């Protein structure tokens, strides 16, 4: 049974920061690539960031590069998304996702992930 629970979303003004957390109840968490995706109203879900198992590599969408940072705490089975300099266009539901243990393929594609959280709303006002 895999459960991913996101938290930390909210309503903030442009320029503010938020930190999202994703608590994972999942076997072999440390060997899973973890990703963050988002879906804005009327748009398709898109890749935001990912971190490979053992945190050896991180990946970011161009739209968030330099503003967002993904990290993980394998001892706590938690992955984080630090979001700085938020913009109104960052408004979306943010989802945490887990790949299969040992997955070594592309980390920015949705089909790589086998488990998804319910999402947390982030709203950035101008």
Protein backbone atom coordinates (compact mmCIF):
# COMPACT_ATOMS: atom_id res chain seq x y z
CA UNK A 1 0.00 0.00 0.00
CA UNK A 2 1.43 3.36 -1.03
CA UNK A 3 0.23 6.59 0.45
CA UNK A 4 1.54 10.04 -0.35
CA UNK A 5 0.22 13.01 1.60
CA UNK A 6 1.08 16.55 0.55
CA UNK A 7 0.91 19.54 2.87
CA UNK A 8 2.08 23.13 3.04
CA UNK A 9 -0.03 24.74 0.35
CA UNK A 10 -1.88 27.99 0.86
CA UNK A 11 -2.67 31.48 -0.35
CA UNK A 12 0.28 33.86 -0.62
CA UNK A 13 1.17 37.07 -2.39
CA UNK A 14 3.54 37.25 -5.33
CA UNK A 15 7.15 37.14 -4.20
CA UNK A 16 6.44 35.06 -1.14
CA UNK A 17 7.72 31.58 -0.33
CA UNK A 18 6.11 28.27 0.56
CA UNK A 19 7.49 24.87 1.40
CA UNK A 20 5.51 21.83 0.39
CA UNK A 21 6.02 18.51 2.09
CA UNK A 22 5.10 15.03 0.96
CA UNK A 23 5.01 12.32 3.58
CA UNK A 24 5.32 8.90 2.03
CA UNK A 25 4.11 5.64 3.50
CA UNK A 26 5.83 3.48 0.94
CA UNK A 27 8.17 0.55 0.80
CA UNK A 28 11.78 1.33 -0.12
CA UNK A 29 11.32 5.10 -0.13
CA UNK A 30 15.05 5.77 -0.33
CA UNK A 31 15.29 3.85 -3.61
CA UNK A 32 12.49 5.73 -5.34
CA UNK A 33 12.71 8.79 -7.53
CA UNK A 34 10.20 11.32 -6.22
CA UNK A 35 8.56 14.00 -8.32
CA UNK A 36 6.41 17.08 -8.02
CA UNK A 37 3.84 17.96 -10.64
CA UNK A 38 1.19 20.67 -10.81
CA UNK A 39 -2.08 21.30 -12.54
CA UNK A 40 -3.50 24.76 -13.05
CA UNK A 41 -7.19 25.33 -13.80
CA UNK A 42 -7.98 24.43 -17.38
CA UNK A 43 -4.49 23.09 -18.04
CA UNK A 44 -2.88 19.69 -18.15
CA UNK A 45 -0.76 18.42 -15.31
CA UNK A 46 2.89 19.35 -15.80
CA UNK A 47 6.25 18.40 -14.38
CA UNK A 48 7.75 20.71 -11.76
CA UNK A 49 10.71 18.98 -10.14
CA UNK A 50 12.15 15.59 -9.28
CA UNK A 51 14.83 14.09 -7.10
CA UNK A 52 16.37 10.71 -7.69
CA UNK A 53 16.91 8.09 -5.08
CA UNK A 54 19.87 8.86 -2.83
CA UNK A 55 19.36 12.49 -3.95
CA UNK A 56 22.13 12.20 -6.49
CA UNK A 57 20.30 14.24 -9.10
CA UNK A 58 17.60 16.86 -9.25
CA UNK A 59 15.57 18.06 -12.20
CA UNK A 60 13.44 21.15 -12.71
CA UNK A 61 11.04 22.57 -15.22
CA UNK A 62 12.45 25.65 -16.91
CA UNK A 63 9.62 27.73 -15.47
CA UNK A 64 10.73 27.07 -11.87
CA UNK A 65 14.47 26.69 -12.25
CA UNK A 66 16.32 29.00 -9.87
CA UNK A 67 13.21 29.57 -7.73
CA UNK A 68 12.20 26.08 -6.57
CA UNK A 69 14.33 23.50 -4.78
CA UNK A 70 13.45 19.84 -4.31
CA UNK A 71 15.00 17.86 -1.47
CA UNK A 72 14.37 14.69 0.48
CA UNK A 73 14.86 13.24 3.94
CA UNK A 74 15.05 9.49 3.59
CA UNK A 75 15.05 9.01 7.35
CA UNK A 76 11.66 10.73 7.51
CA UNK A 77 10.30 9.33 4.23
CA UNK A 78 9.57 12.89 3.17
CA UNK A 79 10.23 14.95 0.08
CA UNK A 80 10.08 18.73 0.03
CA UNK A 81 9.56 21.46 -2.50
CA UNK A 82 10.83 24.86 -1.43
CA UNK A 83 9.19 27.50 -3.57
CA UNK A 84 10.61 31.02 -3.54
CA UNK A 85 9.72 34.15 -5.49
CA UNK A 86 6.29 32.78 -6.23
CA UNK A 87 4.39 34.16 -9.19
CA UNK A 88 0.66 34.16 -9.97
CA UNK A 89 1.36 31.65 -12.75
CA UNK A 90 2.55 29.18 -10.10
CA UNK A 91 -1.06 28.89 -8.93
CA UNK A 92 -2.04 25.24 -9.21
CA UNK A 93 -2.70 22.04 -7.35
CA UNK A 94 0.67 20.48 -6.57
CA UNK A 95 1.01 16.72 -6.57
CA UNK A 96 3.69 14.49 -5.14
CA UNK A 97 4.50 11.27 -7.00
CA UNK A 98 6.66 8.20 -6.45
CA UNK A 99 8.37 6.06 -9.06
CA UNK A 100 8.98 2.35 -8.67
CA UNK A 101 12.00 1.34 -6.58
CA UNK A 102 15.20 1.56 -8.57
CA UNK A 103 13.63 3.38 -11.51
CA UNK A 104 16.41 4.96 -13.53
CA UNK A 105 14.64 6.47 -16.50
CA UNK A 106 13.47 9.96 -17.25
CA UNK A 107 12.24 11.73 -14.14
CA UNK A 108 10.15 14.42 -15.81
CA UNK A 109 7.54 12.20 -17.42
CA UNK A 110 4.30 11.31 -15.68
CA UNK A 111 4.36 7.70 -16.84
CA UNK A 112 7.48 7.17 -14.72
CA UNK A 113 5.44 7.48 -11.53
CA UNK A 114 3.28 4.75 -10.09
CA UNK A 115 1.80 6.46 -7.04
CA UNK A 116 0.30 9.91 -6.60
CA UNK A 117 -0.86 12.03 -3.72
CA UNK A 118 -4.15 13.89 -3.54
CA UNK A 119 -2.55 17.28 -4.07
CA UNK A 120 -2.28 20.55 -2.20
CA UNK A 121 -3.54 23.88 -3.47
CA UNK A 122 -1.12 26.75 -3.99
CA UNK A 123 -2.61 30.12 -4.84
CA UNK A 124 -0.44 33.14 -5.56
CA UNK A 125 -2.13 36.52 -5.73
CA UNK A 126 -0.71 39.47 -7.65
